[in-house]
Amino acid sequence: MTTQWTHDFTPGYQREVKPVMENEVWLEVSDIARGVGFQTAVQIGVALNDALQPLQNEIDGDYDQRLYDVLWQAHLRLSLDHGKSVTFNFFFARKNCKMEDISAVSLQVRVDALKQVVLLSSPRDF
């Protein structure tokens, strides 16, 4: 005897889908991000946050300026590419107060623009 498939079209319980997992991997930076033009919530990964932090032997460890610069570049790249995701290199200098030398730091940053939030971090965090 053959069995015919039947479909149940009664509305069921709809799960609410969250765009981002709620955990300690992402830090909220929406207040600063509004200054460069972001309209939605913006979060950065802990790895990117740690890379932007000043070191102990740094003379002028300007974290806020570095964060502003990476957010500005992310907003520019998203605007130019009209995309949902973009990867770029971010460069900044660190000045060592003990040896008085300047070293260049290069970070690869990925930006994903979701419906309700924009995420910035290193590509391995996605």
PDB file of N, CA and C in Angstrom:
ATOM      1  N   MET A   1       0.839  -1.166   0.000  1.00  0.00           N
ATOM      2  CA  MET A   1       0.000   0.000   0.000  1.00  0.00           C
ATOM      3  C   MET A   1       0.894   1.244   0.000  1.00  0.00           C
ATOM      4  N   THR A   2       0.617   2.200  -0.839  1.00  0.00           N
ATOM      5  CA  THR A   2       1.406   3.424  -0.902  1.00  0.00           C
ATOM      6  C   THR A   2       0.822   4.470   0.023  1.00  0.00           C
ATOM      7  N   THR A   3       1.715   5.301   0.548  1.00  0.00           N
ATOM      8  CA  THR A   3       1.293   6.365   1.451  1.00  0.00           C
ATOM      9  C   THR A   3       1.535   7.696   0.780  1.00  0.00           C
ATOM     10  N   GLN A   4       0.521   8.548   0.833  1.00  0.00           N
ATOM     11  CA  GLN A   4       0.658   9.877   0.257  1.00  0.00           C
ATOM     12  C   GLN A   4       1.087  10.855   1.343  1.00  0.00           C
ATOM     13  N   TRP A   5       2.020  11.747   0.983  1.00  0.00           N
ATOM     14  CA  TRP A   5       2.478  12.744   1.942  1.00  0.00           C
ATOM     15  C   TRP A   5       1.393  13.793   2.138  1.00  0.00           C
ATOM     16  N   THR A   6       1.191  14.165   3.391  1.00  0.00           N
ATOM     17  CA  THR A   6       0.246  15.242   3.683  1.00  0.00           C
ATOM     18  C   THR A   6       0.996  16.388   4.350  1.00  0.00           C
ATOM     19  N   HIS A   7       0.551  17.596   4.080  1.00  0.00           N
ATOM     20  CA  HIS A   7       1.194  18.766   4.646  1.00  0.00           C
ATOM     21  C   HIS A   7       0.270  19.429   5.652  1.00  0.00           C
ATOM     22  N   ASP A   8       0.832  19.847   6.740  1.00  0.00           N
ATOM     23  CA  ASP A   8       0.086  20.570   7.763  1.00  0.00           C
ATOM     24  C   ASP A   8       0.393  22.054   7.609  1.00  0.00           C
ATOM     25  N   PHE A   9      -0.599  22.842   7.181  1.00  0.00           N
ATOM     26  CA  PHE A   9      -0.401  24.265   6.944  1.00  0.00           C
ATOM     27  C   PHE A   9      -0.884  25.145   8.087  1.00  0.00           C
ATOM     28  N   THR A  10      -1.150  24.569   9.238  1.00  0.00           N
ATOM     29  CA  THR A  10      -1.568  25.390  10.368  1.00  0.00           C
ATOM     30  C   THR A  10      -0.364  26.167  10.884  1.00  0.00           C
ATOM     31  N   PRO A  11      -0.586  27.456  11.214  1.00  0.00           N
ATOM     32  CA  PRO A  11       0.550  28.239  11.706  1.00  0.00           C
ATOM     33  C   PRO A  11       1.056  27.694  13.028  1.00  0.00           C
ATOM     34  N   GLY A  12       2.357  27.563  13.123  1.00  0.00           N
ATOM     35  CA  GLY A  12       2.972  27.065  14.349  1.00  0.00           C
ATOM     36  C   GLY A  12       3.728  28.162  15.060  1.00  0.00           C
ATOM     37  N   TYR A  13       4.415  27.798  16.078  1.00  0.00           N
ATOM     38  CA  TYR A  13       5.205  28.737  16.861  1.00  0.00           C
ATOM     39  C   TYR A  13       6.385  29.208  16.032  1.00  0.00           C
ATOM     40  N   GLN A  14       6.575  30.516  15.943  1.00  0.00           N
ATOM     41  CA  GLN A  14       7.689  31.101  15.216  1.00  0.00           C
ATOM     42  C   GLN A  14       8.815  31.439  16.184  1.00  0.00           C
ATOM     43  N   ARG A  15      10.002  30.917  15.924  1.00  0.00           N
ATOM     44  CA  ARG A  15      11.152  31.251  16.747  1.00  0.00           C
ATOM     45  C   ARG A  15      11.700  32.600  16.314  1.00  0.00           C
ATOM     46  N   GLU A  16      12.107  33.385  17.280  1.00  0.00           N
ATOM     47  CA  GLU A  16      12.743  34.663  16.979  1.00  0.00           C
ATOM     48  C   GLU A  16      14.211  34.406  16.683  1.00  0.00           C
ATOM     49  N   VAL A  17      14.655  34.884  15.535  1.00  0.00           N
ATOM     50  CA  VAL A  17      16.028  34.675  15.115  1.00  0.00           C
ATOM     51  C   VAL A  17      16.851  35.902  15.493  1.00  0.00           C
ATOM     52  N   LYS A  18      17.899  35.674  16.255  1.00  0.00           N
ATOM     53  CA  LYS A  18      18.791  36.759  16.644  1.00  0.00           C
ATOM     54  C   LYS A  18      19.940  36.825  15.653  1.00  0.00           C
ATOM     55  N   PRO A  19      20.322  38.029  15.215  1.00  0.00           N
ATOM     56  CA  PRO A  19      21.381  38.130  14.224  1.00  0.00           C
ATOM     57  C   PRO A  19      22.770  37.818  14.763  1.00  0.00           C
ATOM     58  N   VAL A  20      22.997  37.990  16.048  1.00  0.00           N
ATOM     59  CA  VAL A  20      24.321  37.805  16.630  1.00  0.00           C
ATOM     60  C   VAL A  20      24.189  36.953  17.884  1.00  0.00           C
ATOM     61  N   MET A  21      25.138  36.047  18.064  1.00  0.00           N
ATOM     62  CA  MET A  21      25.153  35.274  19.292  1.00  0.00           C
ATOM     63  C   MET A  21      25.544  36.185  20.443  1.00  0.00           C
ATOM     64  N   GLU A  22      24.839  36.082  21.526  1.00  0.00           N
ATOM     65  CA  GLU A  22      25.143  36.905  22.699  1.00  0.00           C
ATOM     66  C   GLU A  22      26.236  36.214  23.509  1.00  0.00           C
ATOM     67  N   ASN A  23      27.442  36.699  23.395  1.00  0.00           N
ATOM     68  CA  ASN A  23      28.535  36.155  24.193  1.00  0.00           C
ATOM     69  C   ASN A  23      29.616  37.214  24.368  1.00  0.00           C
ATOM     70  N   GLU A  24      30.707  36.833  24.974  1.00  0.00           N
ATOM     71  CA  GLU A  24      31.744  37.805  25.311  1.00  0.00           C
ATOM     72  C   GLU A  24      32.704  38.079  24.164  1.00  0.00           C
ATOM     73  N   VAL A  25      32.442  37.566  22.971  1.00  0.00           N
ATOM     74  CA  VAL A  25      33.346  37.758  21.850  1.00  0.00           C
ATOM     75  C   VAL A  25      33.177  39.142  21.229  1.00  0.00           C
ATOM     76  N   TRP A  26      32.046  39.804  21.420  1.00  0.00           N
ATOM     77  CA  TRP A  26      31.758  41.082  20.780  1.00  0.00           C
ATOM     78  C   TRP A  26      31.581  42.189  21.810  1.00  0.00           C
ATOM     79  N   LEU A  27      32.158  43.374  21.517  1.00  0.00           N
ATOM     80  CA  LEU A  27      32.056  44.539  22.389  1.00  0.00           C
ATOM     81  C   LEU A  27      31.310  45.656  21.660  1.00  0.00           C
ATOM     82  N   GLU A  28      30.404  46.303  22.355  1.00  0.00           N
ATOM     83  CA  GLU A  28      29.577  47.367  21.789  1.00  0.00           C
ATOM     84  C   GLU A  28      30.380  48.659  21.629  1.00  0.00           C
ATOM     85  N   VAL A  29      30.393  49.224  20.408  1.00  0.00           N
ATOM     86  CA  VAL A  29      31.079  50.490  20.138  1.00  0.00           C
ATOM     87  C   VAL A  29      30.192  51.424  19.311  1.00  0.00           C
ATOM     88  N   SER A  30      28.893  51.287  19.452  1.00  0.00           N
ATOM     89  CA  SER A  30      27.942  52.042  18.631  1.00  0.00           C
ATOM     90  C   SER A  30      28.041  53.545  18.826  1.00  0.00           C
ATOM     91  N   ASP A  31      28.351  54.003  20.031  1.00  0.00           N
ATOM     92  CA  ASP A  31      28.433  55.446  20.286  1.00  0.00           C
ATOM     93  C   ASP A  31      29.517  56.109  19.434  1.00  0.00           C
ATOM     94  N   ILE A  32      30.688  55.509  19.385  1.00  0.00           N
ATOM     95  CA  ILE A  32      31.767  56.051  18.561  1.00  0.00           C
ATOM     96  C   ILE A  32      31.447  55.854  17.081  1.00  0.00           C
ATOM     97  N   ALA A  33      30.828  54.728  16.737  1.00  0.00           N
ATOM     98  CA  ALA A  33      30.543  54.414  15.334  1.00  0.00           C
ATOM     99  C   ALA A  33      29.529  55.378  14.715  1.00  0.00           C
ATOM    100  N   ARG A  34      28.643  55.931  15.508  1.00  0.00           N
ATOM    101  CA  ARG A  34      27.692  56.914  14.968  1.00  0.00           C
ATOM    102  C   ARG A  34      28.424  58.158  14.454  1.00  0.00           C
ATOM    103  N   GLY A  35      29.556  58.469  15.045  1.00  0.00           N
ATOM    104  CA  GLY A  35      30.341  59.621  14.627  1.00  0.00           C
ATOM    105  C   GLY A  35      30.948  59.494  13.242  1.00  0.00           C
ATOM    106  N   VAL A  36      31.080  58.274  12.740  1.00  0.00           N
ATOM    107  CA  VAL A  36      31.616  58.080  11.392  1.00  0.00           C
ATOM    108  C   VAL A  36      30.528  57.760  10.380  1.00  0.00           C
ATOM    109  N   GLY A  37      29.273  57.640  10.826  1.00  0.00           N
ATOM    110  CA  GLY A  37      28.179  57.450   9.882  1.00  0.00           C
ATOM    111  C   GLY A  37      27.390  56.167   9.991  1.00  0.00           C
ATOM    112  N   PHE A  38      27.729  55.269  10.895  1.00  0.00           N
ATOM    113  CA  PHE A  38      26.947  54.043  11.034  1.00  0.00           C
ATOM    114  C   PHE A  38      25.578  54.362  11.637  1.00  0.00           C
ATOM    115  N   GLN A  39      24.530  53.761  11.073  1.00  0.00           N
ATOM    116  CA  GLN A  39      23.169  53.984  11.548  1.00  0.00           C
ATOM    117  C   GLN A  39      22.683  52.861  12.457  1.00  0.00           C
ATOM    118  N   THR A  40      23.315  51.697  12.397  1.00  0.00           N
ATOM    119  CA  THR A  40      22.902  50.551  13.198  1.00  0.00           C
ATOM    120  C   THR A  40      23.906  50.318  14.326  1.00  0.00           C
ATOM    121  N   ALA A  41      23.623  49.342  15.151  1.00  0.00           N
ATOM    122  CA  ALA A  41      24.540  48.972  16.232  1.00  0.00           C
ATOM    123  C   ALA A  41      25.829  48.419  15.626  1.00  0.00           C
ATOM    124  N   VAL A  42      26.951  48.708  16.274  1.00  0.00           N
ATOM    125  CA  VAL A  42      28.254  48.240  15.798  1.00  0.00           C
ATOM    126  C   VAL A  42      28.969  47.558  16.958  1.00  0.00           C
ATOM    127  N   GLN A  43      29.528  46.389  16.674  1.00  0.00           N
ATOM    128  CA  GLN A  43      30.272  45.641  17.676  1.00  0.00           C
ATOM    129  C   GLN A  43      31.608  45.223  17.084  1.00  0.00           C
ATOM    130  N   ILE A  44      32.651  45.228  17.923  1.00  0.00           N
ATOM    131  CA  ILE A  44      33.964  44.764  17.473  1.00  0.00           C
ATOM    132  C   ILE A  44      34.342  43.516  18.265  1.00  0.00           C
ATOM    133  N   GLY A  45      35.152  42.685  17.646  1.00  0.00           N
ATOM    134  CA  GLY A  45      35.616  41.470  18.294  1.00  0.00           C
ATOM    135  C   GLY A  45      36.666  41.765  19.350  1.00  0.00           C
ATOM    136  N   VAL A  46      36.772  40.893  20.312  1.00  0.00           N
ATOM    137  CA  VAL A  46      37.742  41.055  21.393  1.00  0.00           C
ATOM    138  C   VAL A  46      39.165  41.036  20.834  1.00  0.00           C
ATOM    139  N   ALA A  47      39.422  40.228  19.812  1.00  0.00           N
ATOM    140  CA  ALA A  47      40.763  40.169  19.222  1.00  0.00           C
ATOM    141  C   ALA A  47      41.147  41.509  18.600  1.00  0.00           C
ATOM    142  N   LEU A  48      40.225  42.151  17.900  1.00  0.00           N
ATOM    143  CA  LEU A  48      40.504  43.469  17.326  1.00  0.00           C
ATOM    144  C   LEU A  48      40.682  44.510  18.426  1.00  0.00           C
ATOM    145  N   ASN A  49      39.844  44.450  19.441  1.00  0.00           N
ATOM    146  CA  ASN A  49      39.958  45.374  20.573  1.00  0.00           C
ATOM    147  C   ASN A  49      41.326  45.249  21.239  1.00  0.00           C
ATOM    148  N   ASP A  50      41.776  44.017  21.454  1.00  0.00           N
ATOM    149  CA  ASP A  50      43.085  43.798  22.078  1.00  0.00           C
ATOM    150  C   ASP A  50      44.230  44.308  21.202  1.00  0.00           C
ATOM    151  N   ALA A  51      44.105  44.146  19.892  1.00  0.00           N
ATOM    152  CA  ALA A  51      45.161  44.604  18.986  1.00  0.00           C
ATOM    153  C   ALA A  51      45.263  46.128  18.958  1.00  0.00           C
ATOM    154  N   LEU A  52      44.161  46.819  19.191  1.00  0.00           N
ATOM    155  CA  LEU A  52      44.165  48.279  19.176  1.00  0.00           C
ATOM    156  C   LEU A  52      44.615  48.889  20.501  1.00  0.00           C
ATOM    157  N   GLN A  53      44.596  48.111  21.569  1.00  0.00           N
ATOM    158  CA  GLN A  53      44.989  48.604  22.892  1.00  0.00           C
ATOM    159  C   GLN A  53      46.467  48.982  22.916  1.00  0.00           C
ATOM    160  N   PRO A  54      46.828  50.036  23.671  1.00  0.00           N
ATOM    161  CA  PRO A  54      48.242  50.416  23.767  1.00  0.00           C
ATOM    162  C   PRO A  54      49.040  49.397  24.586  1.00  0.00           C
ATOM    163  N   LEU A  55      50.317  49.253  24.242  1.00  0.00           N
ATOM    164  CA  LEU A  55      51.215  48.390  24.995  1.00  0.00           C
ATOM    165  C   LEU A  55      51.817  49.182  26.145  1.00  0.00           C
ATOM    166  N   GLN A  56      52.433  48.485  27.105  1.00  0.00           N
ATOM    167  CA  GLN A  56      53.016  49.151  28.270  1.00  0.00           C
ATOM    168  C   GLN A  56      54.133  50.115  27.899  1.00  0.00           C
ATOM    169  N   ASN A  57      54.914  49.755  26.899  1.00  0.00           N
ATOM    170  CA  ASN A  57      56.058  50.589  26.549  1.00  0.00           C
ATOM    171  C   ASN A  57      55.743  51.612  25.453  1.00  0.00           C
ATOM    172  N   GLU A  58      54.471  51.840  25.188  1.00  0.00           N
ATOM    173  CA  GLU A  58      54.075  52.797  24.166  1.00  0.00           C
ATOM    174  C   GLU A  58      53.963  54.194  24.757  1.00  0.00           C
ATOM    175  N   ILE A  59      54.455  55.179  24.033  1.00  0.00           N
ATOM    176  CA  ILE A  59      54.387  56.563  24.515  1.00  0.00           C
ATOM    177  C   ILE A  59      52.971  57.107  24.398  1.00  0.00           C
ATOM    178  N   ASP A  60      52.446  57.102  23.206  1.00  0.00           N
ATOM    179  CA  ASP A  60      51.141  57.696  22.983  1.00  0.00           C
ATOM    180  C   ASP A  60      50.191  56.610  22.496  1.00  0.00           C
ATOM    181  N   GLY A  61      49.718  55.783  23.397  1.00  0.00           N
ATOM    182  CA  GLY A  61      48.802  54.713  23.038  1.00  0.00           C
ATOM    183  C   GLY A  61      47.392  55.239  22.915  1.00  0.00           C
ATOM    184  N   ASP A  62      47.049  55.718  21.758  1.00  0.00           N
ATOM    185  CA  ASP A  62      45.771  56.372  21.544  1.00  0.00           C
ATOM    186  C   ASP A  62      44.729  55.374  21.046  1.00  0.00           C
ATOM    187  N   TYR A  63      44.146  54.624  21.952  1.00  0.00           N
ATOM    188  CA  TYR A  63      43.155  53.606  21.612  1.00  0.00           C
ATOM    189  C   TYR A  63      41.938  54.211  20.926  1.00  0.00           C
ATOM    190  N   ASP A  64      41.403  55.299  21.465  1.00  0.00           N
ATOM    191  CA  ASP A  64      40.190  55.891  20.893  1.00  0.00           C
ATOM    192  C   ASP A  64      40.410  56.338  19.449  1.00  0.00           C
ATOM    193  N   GLN A  65      41.570  56.902  19.163  1.00  0.00           N
ATOM    194  CA  GLN A  65      41.851  57.334  17.790  1.00  0.00           C
ATOM    195  C   GLN A  65      41.976  56.141  16.855  1.00  0.00           C
ATOM    196  N   ARG A  66      42.621  55.075  17.310  1.00  0.00           N
ATOM    197  CA  ARG A  66      42.751  53.871  16.489  1.00  0.00           C
ATOM    198  C   ARG A  66      41.377  53.257  16.215  1.00  0.00           C
ATOM    199  N   LEU A  67      40.538  53.201  17.247  1.00  0.00           N
ATOM    200  CA  LEU A  67      39.190  52.659  17.076  1.00  0.00           C
ATOM    201  C   LEU A  67      38.396  53.513  16.098  1.00  0.00           C
ATOM    202  N   TYR A  68      38.466  54.829  16.251  1.00  0.00           N
ATOM    203  CA  TYR A  68      37.772  55.731  15.338  1.00  0.00           C
ATOM    204  C   TYR A  68      38.262  55.524  13.907  1.00  0.00           C
ATOM    205  N   ASP A  69      39.566  55.387  13.710  1.00  0.00           N
ATOM    206  CA  ASP A  69      40.137  55.214  12.378  1.00  0.00           C
ATOM    207  C   ASP A  69      39.686  53.908  11.729  1.00  0.00           C
ATOM    208  N   VAL A  70      39.680  52.814  12.485  1.00  0.00           N
ATOM    209  CA  VAL A  70      39.263  51.537  11.901  1.00  0.00           C
ATOM    210  C   VAL A  70      37.760  51.555  11.592  1.00  0.00           C
ATOM    211  N   LEU A  71      36.958  52.225  12.428  1.00  0.00           N
ATOM    212  CA  LEU A  71      35.530  52.352  12.145  1.00  0.00           C
ATOM    213  C   LEU A  71      35.287  53.217  10.911  1.00  0.00           C
ATOM    214  N   TRP A  72      36.059  54.303  10.787  1.00  0.00           N
ATOM    215  CA  TRP A  72      35.921  55.176   9.626  1.00  0.00           C
ATOM    216  C   TRP A  72      36.250  54.426   8.349  1.00  0.00           C
ATOM    217  N   GLN A  73      37.349  53.668   8.385  1.00  0.00           N
ATOM    218  CA  GLN A  73      37.744  52.916   7.195  1.00  0.00           C
ATOM    219  C   GLN A  73      36.719  51.830   6.874  1.00  0.00           C
ATOM    220  N   ALA A  74      36.154  51.178   7.885  1.00  0.00           N
ATOM    221  CA  ALA A  74      35.130  50.155   7.657  1.00  0.00           C
ATOM    222  C   ALA A  74      33.886  50.768   7.014  1.00  0.00           C
ATOM    223  N   HIS A  75      33.460  51.924   7.515  1.00  0.00           N
ATOM    224  CA  HIS A  75      32.284  52.592   6.944  1.00  0.00           C
ATOM    225  C   HIS A  75      32.551  53.004   5.496  1.00  0.00           C
ATOM    226  N   LEU A  76      33.733  53.538   5.225  1.00  0.00           N
ATOM    227  CA  LEU A  76      34.094  53.926   3.862  1.00  0.00           C
ATOM    228  C   LEU A  76      34.083  52.721   2.933  1.00  0.00           C
ATOM    229  N   ARG A  77      34.700  51.619   3.347  1.00  0.00           N
ATOM    230  CA  ARG A  77      34.766  50.416   2.499  1.00  0.00           C
ATOM    231  C   ARG A  77      33.377  49.851   2.230  1.00  0.00           C
ATOM    232  N   LEU A  78      32.521  49.809   3.254  1.00  0.00           N
ATOM    233  CA  LEU A  78      31.155  49.315   3.043  1.00  0.00           C
ATOM    234  C   LEU A  78      30.384  50.227   2.095  1.00  0.00           C
ATOM    235  N   SER A  79      30.581  51.519   2.214  1.00  0.00           N
ATOM    236  CA  SER A  79      29.899  52.476   1.340  1.00  0.00           C
ATOM    237  C   SER A  79      30.355  52.336  -0.111  1.00  0.00           C
ATOM    238  N   LEU A  80      31.645  52.166  -0.313  1.00  0.00           N
ATOM    239  CA  LEU A  80      32.178  52.059  -1.664  1.00  0.00           C
ATOM    240  C   LEU A  80      31.821  50.742  -2.332  1.00  0.00           C
ATOM    241  N   ASP A  81      31.819  49.655  -1.568  1.00  0.00           N
ATOM    242  CA  ASP A  81      31.575  48.331  -2.131  1.00  0.00           C
ATOM    243  C   ASP A  81      30.092  47.967  -2.214  1.00  0.00           C
ATOM    244  N   HIS A  82      29.246  48.726  -1.551  1.00  0.00           N
ATOM    245  CA  HIS A  82      27.796  48.441  -1.518  1.00  0.00           C
ATOM    246  C   HIS A  82      27.537  46.977  -1.155  1.00  0.00           C
ATOM    247  N   GLY A  83      28.307  46.457  -0.262  1.00  0.00           N
ATOM    248  CA  GLY A  83      28.189  45.044   0.062  1.00  0.00           C
ATOM    249  C   GLY A  83      27.802  44.806   1.497  1.00  0.00           C
ATOM    250  N   LYS A  84      27.639  43.562   1.801  1.00  0.00           N
ATOM    251  CA  LYS A  84      27.312  43.141   3.152  1.00  0.00           C
ATOM    252  C   LYS A  84      28.561  42.746   3.922  1.00  0.00           C
ATOM    253  N   SER A  85      29.650  42.464   3.198  1.00  0.00           N
ATOM    254  CA  SER A  85      30.870  42.022   3.852  1.00  0.00           C
ATOM    255  C   SER A  85      32.074  42.536   3.067  1.00  0.00           C
ATOM    256  N   VAL A  86      33.077  42.971   3.802  1.00  0.00           N
ATOM    257  CA  VAL A  86      34.295  43.463   3.170  1.00  0.00           C
ATOM    258  C   VAL A  86      35.475  43.179   4.105  1.00  0.00           C
ATOM    259  N   THR A  87      36.628  42.903   3.517  1.00  0.00           N
ATOM    260  CA  THR A  87      37.855  42.680   4.277  1.00  0.00           C
ATOM    261  C   THR A  87      38.893  43.691   3.807  1.00  0.00           C
ATOM    262  N   PHE A  88      39.598  44.300   4.762  1.00  0.00           N
ATOM    263  CA  PHE A  88      40.614  45.287   4.418  1.00  0.00           C
ATOM    264  C   PHE A  88      41.754  45.217   5.415  1.00  0.00           C
ATOM    265  N   ASN A  89      42.869  45.853   5.067  1.00  0.00           N
ATOM    266  CA  ASN A  89      44.029  45.933   5.959  1.00  0.00           C
ATOM    267  C   ASN A  89      44.029  47.296   6.636  1.00  0.00           C
ATOM    268  N   PHE A  90      44.295  47.288   7.940  1.00  0.00           N
ATOM    269  CA  PHE A  90      44.354  48.512   8.724  1.00  0.00           C
ATOM    270  C   PHE A  90      45.758  48.635   9.292  1.00  0.00           C
ATOM    271  N   PHE A  91      46.399  49.792   9.065  1.00  0.00           N
ATOM    272  CA  PHE A  91      47.774  50.028   9.507  1.00  0.00           C
ATOM    273  C   PHE A  91      47.803  51.158  10.529  1.00  0.00           C
ATOM    274  N   PHE A  92      48.640  51.004  11.554  1.00  0.00           N
ATOM    275  CA  PHE A  92      48.900  52.093  12.494  1.00  0.00           C
ATOM    276  C   PHE A  92      50.295  51.909  13.075  1.00  0.00           C
ATOM    277  N   ALA A  93      50.807  52.955  13.702  1.00  0.00           N
ATOM    278  CA  ALA A  93      52.180  52.936  14.226  1.00  0.00           C
ATOM    279  C   ALA A  93      52.171  52.854  15.748  1.00  0.00           C
ATOM    280  N   ARG A  94      53.145  52.157  16.281  1.00  0.00           N
ATOM    281  CA  ARG A  94      53.383  52.097  17.731  1.00  0.00           C
ATOM    282  C   ARG A  94      54.764  52.680  18.003  1.00  0.00           C
ATOM    283  N   LYS A  95      54.850  53.608  18.968  1.00  0.00           N
ATOM    284  CA  LYS A  95      56.131  54.211  19.318  1.00  0.00           C
ATOM    285  C   LYS A  95      56.584  53.679  20.667  1.00  0.00           C
ATOM    286  N   ASN A  96      57.729  53.041  20.694  1.00  0.00           N
ATOM    287  CA  ASN A  96      58.298  52.458  21.896  1.00  0.00           C
ATOM    288  C   ASN A  96      59.035  53.550  22.676  1.00  0.00           C
ATOM    289  N   CYS A  97      58.652  53.767  23.939  1.00  0.00           N
ATOM    290  CA  CYS A  97      59.253  54.848  24.728  1.00  0.00           C
ATOM    291  C   CYS A  97      60.665  54.502  25.201  1.00  0.00           C
ATOM    292  N   LYS A  98      61.003  53.226  25.346  1.00  0.00           N
ATOM    293  CA  LYS A  98      62.328  52.850  25.835  1.00  0.00           C
ATOM    294  C   LYS A  98      63.388  52.940  24.748  1.00  0.00           C
ATOM    295  N   MET A  99      63.055  52.477  23.569  1.00  0.00           N
ATOM    296  CA  MET A  99      64.030  52.483  22.477  1.00  0.00           C
ATOM    297  C   MET A  99      63.775  53.613  21.486  1.00  0.00           C
ATOM    298  N   GLU A 100      62.714  54.326  21.651  1.00  0.00           N
ATOM    299  CA  GLU A 100      62.327  55.438  20.799  1.00  0.00           C
ATOM    300  C   GLU A 100      62.316  55.066  19.319  1.00  0.00           C
ATOM    301  N   ASP A 101      61.816  53.877  19.029  1.00  0.00           N
ATOM    302  CA  ASP A 101      61.639  53.489  17.640  1.00  0.00           C
ATOM    303  C   ASP A 101      60.144  53.332  17.355  1.00  0.00           C
ATOM    304  N   ILE A 102      59.816  53.407  16.101  1.00  0.00           N
ATOM    305  CA  ILE A 102      58.418  53.300  15.675  1.00  0.00           C
ATOM    306  C   ILE A 102      58.258  52.023  14.871  1.00  0.00           C
ATOM    307  N   SER A 103      57.263  51.234  15.253  1.00  0.00           N
ATOM    308  CA  SER A 103      56.979  50.010  14.513  1.00  0.00           C
ATOM    309  C   SER A 103      55.587  50.114  13.889  1.00  0.00           C
ATOM    310  N   ALA A 104      55.455  49.570  12.711  1.00  0.00           N
ATOM    311  CA  ALA A 104      54.173  49.576  12.004  1.00  0.00           C
ATOM    312  C   ALA A 104      53.416  48.294  12.322  1.00  0.00           C
ATOM    313  N   VAL A 105      52.133  48.435  12.548  1.00  0.00           N
ATOM    314  CA  VAL A 105      51.268  47.298  12.835  1.00  0.00           C
ATOM    315  C   VAL A 105      50.258  47.193  11.713  1.00  0.00           C
ATOM    316  N   SER A 106      50.074  45.984  11.208  1.00  0.00           N
ATOM    317  CA  SER A 106      49.109  45.724  10.146  1.00  0.00           C
ATOM    318  C   SER A 106      48.086  44.705  10.648  1.00  0.00           C
ATOM    319  N   LEU A 107      46.825  45.049  10.540  1.00  0.00           N
ATOM    320  CA  LEU A 107      45.747  44.159  10.954  1.00  0.00           C
ATOM    321  C   LEU A 107      44.832  43.899   9.772  1.00  0.00           C
ATOM    322  N   GLN A 108      44.401  42.671   9.624  1.00  0.00           N
ATOM    323  CA  GLN A 108      43.382  42.366   8.621  1.00  0.00           C
ATOM    324  C   GLN A 108      42.039  42.397   9.333  1.00  0.00           C
ATOM    325  N   VAL A 109      41.119  43.199   8.815  1.00  0.00           N
ATOM    326  CA  VAL A 109      39.825  43.416   9.459  1.00  0.00           C
ATOM    327  C   VAL A 109      38.715  43.002   8.503  1.00  0.00           C
ATOM    328  N   ARG A 110      37.759  42.255   9.018  1.00  0.00           N
ATOM    329  CA  ARG A 110      36.579  41.881   8.237  1.00  0.00           C
ATOM    330  C   ARG A 110      35.375  42.590   8.834  1.00  0.00           C
ATOM    331  N   VAL A 111      34.514  43.096   7.962  1.00  0.00           N
ATOM    332  CA  VAL A 111      33.296  43.788   8.377  1.00  0.00           C
ATOM    333  C   VAL A 111      32.115  43.048   7.776  1.00  0.00           C
ATOM    334  N   ASP A 112      31.159  42.667   8.612  1.00  0.00           N
ATOM    335  CA  ASP A 112      29.913  42.056   8.150  1.00  0.00           C
ATOM    336  C   ASP A 112      28.764  42.948   8.566  1.00  0.00           C
ATOM    337  N   ALA A 113      27.988  43.397   7.588  1.00  0.00           N
ATOM    338  CA  ALA A 113      26.820  44.228   7.869  1.00  0.00           C
ATOM    339  C   ALA A 113      25.581  43.344   7.825  1.00  0.00           C
ATOM    340  N   LEU A 114      25.038  43.067   8.992  1.00  0.00           N
ATOM    341  CA  LEU A 114      23.812  42.291   9.097  1.00  0.00           C
ATOM    342  C   LEU A 114      22.634  43.257   9.167  1.00  0.00           C
ATOM    343  N   LYS A 115      21.428  42.742   9.341  1.00  0.00           N
ATOM    344  CA  LYS A 115      20.254  43.617   9.357  1.00  0.00           C
ATOM    345  C   LYS A 115      20.275  44.606  10.509  1.00  0.00           C
ATOM    346  N   GLN A 116      20.618  44.157  11.694  1.00  0.00           N
ATOM    347  CA  GLN A 116      20.507  45.011  12.867  1.00  0.00           C
ATOM    348  C   GLN A 116      21.841  45.371  13.508  1.00  0.00           C
ATOM    349  N   VAL A 117      22.937  44.820  12.991  1.00  0.00           N
ATOM    350  CA  VAL A 117      24.228  45.068  13.623  1.00  0.00           C
ATOM    351  C   VAL A 117      25.349  44.943  12.580  1.00  0.00           C
ATOM    352  N   VAL A 118      26.410  45.702  12.800  1.00  0.00           N
ATOM    353  CA  VAL A 118      27.618  45.601  11.986  1.00  0.00           C
ATOM    354  C   VAL A 118      28.705  45.034  12.881  1.00  0.00           C
ATOM    355  N   LEU A 119      29.399  44.000  12.391  1.00  0.00           N
ATOM    356  CA  LEU A 119      30.442  43.336  13.163  1.00  0.00           C
ATOM    357  C   LEU A 119      31.800  43.587  12.528  1.00  0.00           C
ATOM    358  N   LEU A 120      32.782  43.936  13.345  1.00  0.00           N
ATOM    359  CA  LEU A 120      34.171  44.133  12.899  1.00  0.00           C
ATOM    360  C   LEU A 120      35.070  43.262  13.741  1.00  0.00           C
ATOM    361  N   SER A 121      35.953  42.519  13.087  1.00  0.00           N
ATOM    362  CA  SER A 121      36.944  41.749  13.812  1.00  0.00           C
ATOM    363  C   SER A 121      37.930  41.159  12.825  1.00  0.00           C
ATOM    364  N   SER A 122      38.810  40.316  13.324  1.00  0.00           N
ATOM    365  CA  SER A 122      39.726  39.619  12.428  1.00  0.00           C
ATOM    366  C   SER A 122      38.931  38.529  11.698  1.00  0.00           C
ATOM    367  N   PRO A 123      39.334  38.153  10.499  1.00  0.00           N
ATOM    368  CA  PRO A 123      38.566  37.167   9.714  1.00  0.00           C
ATOM    369  C   PRO A 123      38.371  35.831  10.422  1.00  0.00           C
ATOM    370  N   ARG A 124      39.271  35.442  11.295  1.00  0.00           N
ATOM    371  CA  ARG A 124      39.126  34.139  11.970  1.00  0.00           C
ATOM    372  C   ARG A 124      38.010  34.124  13.018  1.00  0.00           C
ATOM    373  N   ASP A 125      37.506  35.298  13.403  1.00  0.00           N
ATOM    374  CA  ASP A 125      36.434  35.364  14.396  1.00  0.00           C
ATOM    375  C   ASP A 125      35.049  35.084  13.799  1.00  0.00           C
ATOM    376  N   PHE A 126      34.966  35.030  12.471  1.00  0.00           N
ATOM    377  CA  PHE A 126      33.651  34.843  11.853  1.00  0.00           C
ATOM    378  C   PHE A 126      33.395  33.397  11.525  1.00  0.00           C
TER     379      PHE A 126
END
